[in-house]
Amino acid sequence: MKKNLVLLVLTIIVVVNLFSQPTSIKSVPSVYSSSHASALMFVKRDTIVIECDTIYLINPGRYRLYKALHEATLSDKDSLCSKILKAYQSSLLENETAYDKLLDNNKKLEKTTSDLIIYSQNSLQNVQKTLEFTQITLDQSFKSLELANNYIKKEKWNSVGKKILVGVGGACFGLLLGMLIMK
């Protein structure tokens, strides 16, 4: 009985949570704060994900007032406010264009830098392989020189040893011959 009661309570909690979830998730992109996009509208139970640094929310009445003021200011072509507002909008467009160009240049620079790093890493690997090959060649050369040096020492000893043996043999032969002659 307790298990059924706990199961019923858990089921009710899950159902209530499912139906209490927001109707939609809306995102405010990071470029929204620097763009000239129209205002975004959110309704009750919307979940808002804000990716830009700052966002201002106003109620519908205030939005209509601001929109009406904006349209009235733009309709009066001779007013100073209209000229200032148009210059401000023009400046915003120029800034947005400059920002887009700067962002594009930054992406190109990042790609170039990444390519340069990859090229440098490949070059370093090739240099390392060349150094390893050179080290192996030097080790083999040292071994060959050591073998040649040992061979030269043996040949030197053989040459000197043969001369000494011939000298000793000649002296012994001369001594023997001298003893034979003396007798």
Protein backbone atom coordinates (compact mmCIF):
# COMPACT_ATOMS: atom_id res chain seq x y z
CA MET A 1 0.00 0.00 0.00
CA LYS A 2 2.83 2.42 0.86
CA LYS A 3 4.56 1.64 -2.43
CA ASN A 4 1.39 2.43 -4.38
CA LEU A 5 0.92 5.70 -2.48
CA VAL A 6 4.55 6.77 -3.11
CA LEU A 7 4.21 5.82 -6.78
CA LEU A 8 0.98 7.84 -7.09
CA VAL A 9 2.58 10.91 -5.46
CA LEU A 10 5.65 10.69 -7.72
CA THR A 11 3.43 10.33 -10.81
CA ILE A 12 1.40 13.40 -9.82
CA ILE A 13 4.60 15.43 -9.26
CA VAL A 14 5.99 14.41 -12.67
CA VAL A 15 2.70 15.25 -14.45
CA VAL A 16 2.46 18.65 -12.73
CA ASN A 17 6.07 19.45 -13.67
CA LEU A 18 5.49 18.45 -17.29
CA PHE A 19 2.49 20.73 -17.64
CA SER A 20 4.14 23.61 -15.81
CA GLN A 21 7.03 23.84 -18.28
CA PRO A 22 7.27 27.04 -20.38
CA THR A 23 5.57 27.03 -23.76
CA SER A 24 8.68 28.06 -25.68
CA ILE A 25 12.32 29.01 -25.32
CA LYS A 26 13.37 32.15 -27.16
CA SER A 27 16.91 33.33 -27.58
CA VAL A 28 18.27 36.86 -27.86
CA PRO A 29 21.48 36.51 -29.93
CA SER A 30 24.67 38.29 -28.91
CA VAL A 31 24.60 40.55 -32.00
CA TYR A 32 21.12 41.84 -31.15
CA SER A 33 22.42 44.64 -28.93
CA SER A 34 24.49 46.14 -31.76
CA SER A 35 22.00 45.57 -34.60
CA HIS A 36 19.05 47.54 -35.96
CA ALA A 37 16.69 44.61 -35.69
CA SER A 38 13.15 45.36 -34.70
CA ALA A 39 12.00 44.82 -31.15
CA LEU A 40 11.46 41.27 -29.98
CA MET A 41 8.14 40.26 -28.49
CA PHE A 42 7.78 37.76 -25.69
CA VAL A 43 4.53 36.39 -24.30
CA LYS A 44 3.50 34.85 -21.00
CA ARG A 45 5.38 31.63 -20.09
CA ASP A 46 8.18 32.23 -22.62
CA THR A 47 11.66 31.37 -21.43
CA ILE A 48 14.20 33.95 -22.59
CA VAL A 49 17.87 33.07 -23.12
CA ILE A 50 19.85 36.32 -23.28
CA GLU A 51 23.21 35.96 -25.04
CA CYS A 52 23.98 39.66 -25.47
CA ASP A 53 25.46 41.84 -22.75
CA THR A 54 22.40 44.02 -22.04
CA ILE A 55 18.70 43.87 -22.83
CA TYR A 56 15.85 46.23 -21.84
CA LEU A 57 12.29 45.01 -21.44
CA ILE A 58 9.39 47.46 -21.76
CA ASN A 59 5.67 46.96 -21.54
CA PRO A 60 3.43 47.19 -24.64
CA GLY A 61 2.08 50.66 -23.78
CA ARG A 62 5.56 52.15 -23.42
CA TYR A 63 6.65 50.42 -26.66
CA ARG A 64 3.75 51.98 -28.61
CA LEU A 65 4.61 55.41 -27.13
CA TYR A 66 8.27 55.14 -28.15
CA LYS A 67 7.33 53.89 -31.61
CA ALA A 68 4.88 56.77 -32.10
CA LEU A 69 7.49 59.30 -30.93
CA HIS A 70 10.04 57.83 -33.29
CA GLU A 71 7.67 57.96 -36.26
CA ALA A 72 6.62 61.53 -35.40
CA THR A 73 10.21 62.65 -35.14
CA LEU A 74 11.08 61.08 -38.49
CA SER A 75 8.01 62.53 -40.24
CA ASP A 76 9.06 66.13 -39.48
CA LYS A 77 11.84 66.52 -42.04
CA ASP A 78 13.00 69.96 -40.94
CA SER A 79 13.36 69.33 -37.22
CA LEU A 80 16.73 69.15 -35.57
CA CYS A 81 15.67 66.00 -33.70
CA SER A 82 14.89 64.28 -37.00
CA LYS A 83 18.31 65.16 -38.37
CA ILE A 84 20.04 64.02 -35.18
CA LEU A 85 18.06 60.76 -35.15
CA LYS A 86 18.88 60.06 -38.80
CA ALA A 87 22.56 60.84 -38.19
CA TYR A 88 22.52 58.53 -35.16
CA GLN A 89 20.93 55.73 -37.17
CA SER A 90 23.46 56.29 -39.96
CA SER A 91 26.28 56.20 -37.42
CA LEU A 92 24.91 52.95 -35.98
CA LEU A 93 24.81 51.40 -39.44
CA GLU A 94 28.39 52.50 -40.14
CA ASN A 95 29.55 51.12 -36.80
CA GLU A 96 27.80 47.83 -37.43
CA THR A 97 29.41 47.58 -40.89
CA ALA A 98 32.83 48.43 -39.45
CA TYR A 99 32.32 45.86 -36.68
CA ASP A 100 31.37 43.19 -39.22
CA LYS A 101 34.49 44.00 -41.28
CA LEU A 102 36.66 43.93 -38.17
CA LEU A 103 35.16 40.61 -37.12
CA ASP A 104 35.75 39.21 -40.62
CA ASN A 105 39.37 40.41 -40.60
CA ASN A 106 39.84 38.92 -37.15
CA LYS A 107 38.55 35.55 -38.37
CA LYS A 108 40.92 35.70 -41.37
CA LEU A 109 43.81 36.60 -39.07
CA GLU A 110 42.90 33.74 -36.75
CA LYS A 111 42.86 31.29 -39.67
CA THR A 112 46.19 32.61 -40.97
CA THR A 113 47.71 32.32 -37.51
CA SER A 114 46.34 28.80 -37.14
CA ASP A 115 47.79 27.83 -40.54
CA LEU A 116 51.14 29.36 -39.57
CA ILE A 117 51.18 27.42 -36.30
CA ILE A 118 50.43 24.17 -38.14
CA TYR A 119 53.15 24.92 -40.72
CA SER A 120 55.63 25.75 -37.94
CA GLN A 121 54.80 22.56 -36.08
CA ASN A 122 55.32 20.51 -39.24
CA SER A 123 58.63 22.29 -39.90
CA LEU A 124 59.76 21.63 -36.35
CA GLN A 125 58.87 17.97 -36.70
CA ASN A 126 60.89 17.77 -39.92
CA VAL A 127 63.85 19.51 -38.25
CA GLN A 128 63.59 17.11 -35.32
CA LYS A 129 63.60 14.12 -37.69
CA THR A 130 66.62 15.57 -39.52
CA LEU A 131 68.45 16.10 -36.22
CA GLU A 132 67.68 12.54 -35.13
CA PHE A 133 68.98 11.21 -38.47
CA THR A 134 72.10 13.39 -38.14
CA GLN A 135 72.66 12.10 -34.60
CA ILE A 136 72.37 8.49 -35.80
CA THR A 137 74.82 9.22 -38.65
CA LEU A 138 77.27 10.85 -36.22
CA ASP A 139 77.05 7.86 -33.87
CA GLN A 140 77.77 5.52 -36.77
CA SER A 141 80.68 7.74 -37.89
CA PHE A 142 82.16 7.67 -34.36
CA LYS A 143 81.89 3.88 -34.30
CA SER A 144 83.55 3.66 -37.73
CA LEU A 145 86.34 6.02 -36.59
CA GLU A 146 86.85 3.97 -33.44
CA LEU A 147 87.08 0.76 -35.49
CA ALA A 148 89.51 2.43 -37.88
CA ASN A 149 91.59 3.75 -34.98
CA ASN A 150 91.74 0.25 -33.43
CA TYR A 151 92.69 -1.20 -36.81
CA ILE A 152 95.46 1.40 -37.21
CA LYS A 153 96.79 0.58 -33.72
CA LYS A 154 96.82 -3.15 -34.59
CA GLU A 155 98.57 -2.52 -37.89
CA LYS A 156 101.09 -0.26 -36.19
CA TRP A 157 101.82 -2.95 -33.61
CA ASN A 158 102.02 -5.61 -36.32
CA SER A 159 104.47 -3.47 -38.29
CA VAL A 160 106.64 -2.65 -35.27
CA GLY A 161 106.28 -6.19 -33.89
CA LYS A 162 107.44 -7.72 -37.19
CA LYS A 163 110.48 -5.43 -37.26
CA ILE A 164 111.35 -6.33 -33.69
CA LEU A 165 110.91 -10.03 -34.43
CA VAL A 166 113.06 -9.78 -37.55
CA GLY A 167 115.69 -7.88 -35.53
CA VAL A 168 115.64 -10.39 -32.67
CA GLY A 169 115.61 -13.27 -35.15
CA GLY A 170 118.59 -11.73 -37.01
CA ALA A 171 120.46 -11.18 -33.74
CA CYS A 172 119.79 -14.78 -32.69
CA PHE A 173 120.83 -16.03 -36.10
CA GLY A 174 123.99 -13.90 -35.97
CA LEU A 175 124.73 -15.10 -32.46
CA LEU A 176 124.22 -18.71 -33.48
CA LEU A 177 126.32 -18.25 -36.58
CA GLY A 178 129.00 -16.53 -34.53
CA MET A 179 129.02 -19.46 -32.06
CA LEU A 180 129.25 -21.94 -34.85
CA ILE A 181 132.11 -20.08 -36.42
CA MET A 182 133.95 -19.83 -33.11
CA LYS A 183 133.89 -23.43 -32.43
